[in-house]
Protein backbone atom coordinates (compact mmCIF):
# COMPACT_ATOMS: atom_id res chain seq x y z
CA MET A 1 0.00 0.00 0.00
CA SER A 2 2.78 2.36 0.88
CA SER A 3 4.52 1.38 -2.30
CA VAL A 4 1.46 2.46 -4.36
CA ARG A 5 1.12 5.90 -2.75
CA LEU A 6 4.74 6.77 -3.36
CA PRO A 7 4.51 6.89 -7.16
CA LEU A 8 1.20 8.77 -6.90
CA ALA A 9 2.74 11.45 -4.72
CA ALA A 10 5.69 11.71 -7.03
CA SER A 11 3.35 12.13 -9.98
CA ILE A 12 1.38 14.87 -8.24
CA LEU A 13 4.55 16.70 -7.35
CA GLY A 14 5.75 16.41 -10.91
CA HIS A 15 2.51 17.84 -12.22
CA ALA A 16 2.55 20.64 -9.70
CA GLY A 17 6.08 21.58 -10.73
CA VAL A 18 5.08 21.67 -14.31
CA LEU A 19 2.08 23.92 -13.49
CA LEU A 20 4.35 26.23 -11.56
CA LEU A 21 6.72 26.51 -14.45
CA LEU A 22 3.83 27.29 -16.77
CA VAL A 23 2.53 30.01 -14.45
CA LEU A 24 5.96 31.60 -14.20
CA PHE A 25 6.41 31.51 -17.94
CA ALA A 26 2.99 33.05 -18.49
CA ALA A 27 3.82 35.80 -16.00
CA GLN A 28 6.91 36.70 -17.97
CA LEU A 29 4.94 36.85 -21.19
CA THR A 30 2.25 39.20 -19.80
CA PRO A 31 3.33 42.84 -20.54
CA ALA A 32 3.68 45.32 -17.76
CA PRO A 33 0.88 47.85 -17.57
CA LEU A 34 1.71 50.98 -19.55
CA PRO A 35 1.98 54.17 -17.54
CA GLN A 36 -1.02 56.42 -17.89
CA PRO A 37 -0.13 59.37 -20.17
CA GLN A 38 -0.37 62.73 -18.58
CA LYS A 39 -2.86 65.07 -20.16
CA SER A 40 -1.24 67.99 -22.01
CA GLY A 41 -2.53 70.90 -24.09
CA ILE A 42 -2.10 68.90 -27.27
CA GLU A 43 -4.77 66.43 -28.01
CA VAL A 44 -4.05 63.91 -30.62
CA MET A 45 -7.10 62.96 -32.55
CA LEU A 46 -6.93 59.64 -34.18
CA MET A 47 -8.41 59.88 -37.62
CA PRO A 48 -9.89 56.91 -39.24
CA PRO A 49 -7.64 55.44 -41.87
CA PRO A 50 -8.27 56.84 -45.35
CA GLN A 51 -10.62 54.87 -47.39
CA PRO A 52 -8.99 53.43 -50.46
CA ALA A 53 -9.80 55.36 -53.62
CA ALA A 54 -12.61 53.95 -55.54
CA GLU A 55 -11.27 51.92 -58.29
CA ALA A 56 -11.91 53.39 -61.71
CA PRO A 57 -14.56 51.47 -63.47
CA GLN A 58 -13.01 49.22 -65.95
CA PRO A 59 -14.02 50.04 -69.56
CA THR A 60 -16.69 47.90 -70.88
CA PRO A 61 -15.14 45.70 -73.50
CA GLU A 62 -16.38 46.58 -76.97
CA PRO A 63 -18.49 43.96 -78.56
CA PRO A 64 -16.67 42.11 -81.28
CA PRO A 65 -17.30 43.62 -84.72
CA ILE A 66 -20.02 42.01 -86.60
CA ALA A 67 -18.55 40.43 -89.63
CA GLU A 68 -20.12 42.01 -92.69
CA THR A 69 -21.32 39.48 -95.07
CA GLU A 70 -20.58 40.35 -98.68
CA PRO A 71 -23.67 40.66 -100.80
CA PRO A 72 -24.09 37.83 -103.20
CA PRO A 73 -22.68 38.61 -106.64
CA PRO A 74 -25.28 39.94 -109.03
CA GLU A 75 -26.71 37.45 -111.31
CA PRO A 76 -25.23 37.71 -114.79
CA PRO A 77 -27.61 39.31 -117.25
CA PRO A 78 -29.29 36.89 -119.51
CA PRO A 79 -27.50 36.54 -122.83
CA PRO A 80 -29.04 38.72 -125.50
CA ALA A 81 -31.36 36.97 -127.74
CA ALA A 82 -29.68 36.08 -130.93
CA ILE A 83 -30.90 38.46 -133.56
CA PRO A 84 -31.35 36.60 -136.77
CA LYS A 85 -29.10 37.98 -139.45
CA PRO A 86 -31.04 39.48 -142.29
CA GLU A 87 -30.92 37.37 -145.32
CA PRO A 88 -28.87 38.96 -148.08
CA PRO A 89 -30.97 40.38 -150.86
CA PRO A 90 -31.20 38.14 -153.85
CA PRO A 91 -28.71 39.05 -156.54
CA PRO A 92 -30.19 41.17 -159.28
CA PRO A 93 -31.08 39.21 -162.33
CA LYS A 94 -28.43 39.28 -164.95
CA PRO A 95 -29.51 41.19 -167.99
CA VAL A 96 -30.20 38.97 -170.86
CA VAL A 97 -27.88 39.91 -173.66
CA HIS A 98 -29.40 39.14 -176.96
CA LYS A 99 -26.66 38.17 -179.28
CA PRO A 100 -27.14 39.61 -182.70
CA ILE A 101 -27.99 37.01 -185.21
CA VAL A 102 -25.26 36.97 -187.78
CA LYS A 103 -26.65 36.12 -191.12
CA PRO A 104 -24.36 34.06 -193.23
CA PRO A 105 -23.23 35.86 -196.33
CA PRO A 106 -25.12 34.89 -199.43
CA HIS A 107 -23.53 32.18 -201.42
CA ARG A 108 -21.89 33.59 -204.45
CA PRO A 109 -20.69 31.40 -207.21
CA PRO A 110 -16.96 31.47 -207.67
CA PRO A 111 -15.90 33.77 -210.48
CA GLN A 112 -15.05 32.01 -213.62
CA ALA A 113 -11.67 32.56 -215.07
CA VAL A 114 -11.79 34.74 -218.15
CA ARG A 115 -9.43 33.77 -220.81
CA GLU A 116 -7.54 36.63 -222.31
CA VAL A 117 -7.65 36.75 -226.04
CA PRO A 118 -4.23 37.65 -227.37
CA ARG A 119 -4.32 40.94 -229.18
CA GLU A 120 -2.59 41.42 -232.43
CA PRO A 121 0.32 43.83 -232.21
CA VAL A 122 -0.49 47.22 -233.69
CA PRO A 123 2.33 48.54 -235.85
CA ARG A 124 3.81 51.73 -234.40
CA GLN A 125 3.74 54.75 -236.64
CA PRO A 126 6.85 56.86 -236.62
CA VAL A 127 6.40 60.16 -234.78
CA PRO A 128 7.73 63.11 -236.76
CA SER A 129 10.50 64.87 -234.92
CA GLN A 130 9.60 68.39 -233.80
CA PRO A 131 12.15 71.15 -233.94
CA ALA A 132 13.65 72.13 -230.59
CA PRO A 133 12.08 75.27 -229.12
CA THR A 134 14.13 78.37 -229.52
CA PRO A 135 15.13 79.71 -226.09
CA MET A 136 13.80 83.16 -225.32
CA PRO A 137 16.27 85.82 -224.41
CA ARG A 138 16.55 86.33 -220.64
CA ALA A 139 15.42 89.63 -219.22
CA MET A 140 18.16 91.69 -217.75
CA PRO A 141 17.84 92.14 -213.95
CA GLN A 142 16.64 95.54 -213.01
CA ALA A 143 18.88 97.67 -210.91
CA PRO A 144 17.54 98.23 -207.35
CA VAL A 145 15.85 101.51 -206.88
CA GLN A 146 17.76 103.48 -204.34
CA THR A 147 15.56 105.52 -202.07
CA ALA A 148 16.97 108.21 -199.93
CA ALA A 149 16.90 107.19 -196.24
CA LEU A 150 14.90 109.55 -194.13
CA PRO A 151 16.85 110.90 -191.21
CA VAL A 152 15.64 109.54 -187.85
CA VAL A 153 14.90 112.41 -185.59
CA PRO A 154 15.76 111.34 -182.02
CA ARG A 155 13.06 111.95 -179.49
CA PRO A 156 14.23 114.48 -177.01
CA ALA A 157 14.60 112.87 -173.60
CA PRO A 158 12.39 114.39 -170.96
CA ILE A 159 14.29 116.62 -168.66
CA VAL A 160 14.48 115.53 -165.04
CA SER A 161 14.86 118.57 -162.86
CA PRO A 162 17.66 118.51 -160.27
CA GLY A 163 15.09 118.96 -157.53
CA TYR A 164 13.16 115.86 -158.56
CA ARG A 165 16.37 113.85 -158.89
CA ALA A 166 17.26 114.81 -155.32
CA MET A 167 13.78 113.72 -154.19
CA LEU A 168 14.26 110.34 -155.89
CA SER A 169 17.68 109.83 -154.28
CA ALA A 170 16.26 110.61 -150.83
CA TRP A 171 13.34 108.22 -151.37
CA LEU A 172 15.59 105.38 -152.53
CA GLU A 173 17.98 105.89 -149.62
CA SER A 174 15.15 105.78 -147.05
CA HIS A 175 13.52 102.68 -148.56
CA LYS A 176 16.71 100.70 -149.17
CA ARG A 177 17.13 97.68 -146.88
CA TYR A 178 20.53 96.10 -146.33
CA PRO A 179 20.07 92.28 -146.19
CA GLU A 180 21.28 90.78 -142.92
CA SER A 181 22.82 87.82 -144.74
CA ALA A 182 24.88 90.15 -146.93
CA ARG A 183 25.81 92.28 -143.91
CA GLU A 184 27.08 89.20 -142.02
CA ARG A 185 29.18 88.16 -145.02
CA GLY A 186 30.49 91.71 -145.45
CA GLU A 187 29.13 92.09 -148.99
CA GLU A 188 29.25 95.60 -150.46
CA GLY A 189 28.60 96.95 -153.94
CA ARG A 190 26.74 99.39 -156.12
CA ALA A 191 24.23 98.91 -158.91
CA VAL A 192 22.81 101.10 -161.67
CA LEU A 193 19.01 101.12 -161.48
CA ARG A 194 16.99 102.26 -164.50
CA PHE A 195 13.25 102.83 -164.25
CA ARG A 196 10.38 104.75 -165.85
CA VAL A 197 7.95 106.67 -163.67
CA ASP A 198 4.81 108.65 -164.53
CA ARG A 199 3.65 111.97 -163.16
CA SER A 200 1.87 110.40 -160.18
CA GLY A 201 5.03 108.57 -159.09
CA ARG A 202 3.90 105.10 -160.22
CA VAL A 203 6.77 102.94 -161.46
CA LEU A 204 5.94 101.70 -164.96
CA ASN A 205 8.99 99.42 -165.36
CA TYR A 206 12.44 98.98 -163.88
CA ALA A 207 15.61 96.96 -164.40
CA VAL A 208 19.03 96.58 -162.77
CA ALA A 209 21.27 97.76 -165.61
CA SER A 210 24.48 97.02 -163.69
CA SER A 211 24.54 94.38 -160.92
CA THR A 212 26.21 94.74 -157.54
CA GLY A 213 27.81 91.34 -157.98
CA TYR A 214 25.84 89.81 -155.09
CA ALA A 215 22.48 88.12 -155.46
CA ASP A 216 21.17 89.26 -152.05
CA LEU A 217 21.94 92.93 -152.77
CA ASP A 218 20.29 92.77 -156.21
CA ALA A 219 17.26 91.06 -154.63
CA ALA A 220 17.00 93.91 -152.12
CA ILE A 221 16.79 96.43 -155.01
CA ASP A 222 14.12 94.32 -156.71
CA ALA A 223 12.06 94.16 -153.51
CA MET A 224 12.34 97.93 -153.06
CA MET A 225 11.07 98.76 -156.56
CA ARG A 226 8.31 96.13 -156.79
CA GLY A 227 5.04 98.07 -156.57
CA ALA A 228 6.81 101.23 -155.37
CA ILE A 229 5.14 104.67 -155.47
CA LEU A 230 7.76 107.38 -155.94
CA PRO A 231 7.32 111.12 -155.31
CA PRO A 232 5.10 112.79 -157.97
CA PHE A 233 6.53 115.21 -160.53
CA PRO A 234 7.03 118.82 -159.50
CA ALA A 235 5.22 121.57 -161.40
CA ASP A 236 8.23 122.40 -163.59
CA MET A 237 8.19 118.90 -165.18
CA THR A 238 5.51 118.72 -167.90
CA ALA A 239 6.35 115.30 -169.43
CA PRO A 240 3.82 112.47 -168.85
CA ASP A 241 6.63 110.12 -167.78
CA VAL A 242 10.41 110.08 -167.57
CA GLU A 243 13.15 107.46 -167.54
CA VAL A 244 15.66 107.82 -164.75
CA SER A 245 18.98 106.08 -164.05
CA VAL A 246 20.35 106.20 -160.52
CA THR A 247 23.19 104.49 -158.65
CA VAL A 248 22.26 102.49 -155.55
CA ARG A 249 25.16 101.87 -153.14
CA PHE A 250 25.46 99.28 -150.37
CA SER A 251 28.30 100.13 -148.01
CA LEU A 252 29.07 98.93 -144.46
CA THR A 253 31.65 101.64 -143.70
CA ARG A 254 29.27 104.52 -144.08
């Protein structure tokens, strides 16, 4: 009996020691009471923690695009009805050509050969010889009749007054054009121009009596006189028209 109690007492003591150790350990873990803070003039207000900002609403996802269905291809138009080709007009009837009826030539009997009857030779009669004709004496040639030549009276040339000649020279000088081609080649020369002009100044005819030696310069004189109207006659010239000869000069050193 005593042996049974001894282990029980030892067990109780062991458990009591363990409880004591637990109490001491719990006492160490319990924090000491904080000292009461003294009231001062500053009061600290504890604000509630800020509420988290409202989350921005997430964008509503766009609905997926509706796939557009392509319209069905248009039905091909019905093929045009075949238009019957017009029948070609019948060819015109060929004209009937009536061939002329050729009548056969009338039958003629072949000509019969005619026999020639030999003629008897006729004796030739001798022809009497005629005397030769006596030649007639030749007429002597007549001497040419000499007629006295009439003297040719020269027509007096119309007088060109010095004043009108100066007017013509001034007109020709103002209307003369030096060809550029001749100027570039350095061509110079002079020509004698002869022309006939009436009282109104109209040129009746003209000619280059003496050439400049260059075709372009002579052509310039021809162009100047073609259809030209010169100064009219002064009062002291009474002739209906006059023939004038002037010298036209082309010079590059002037």
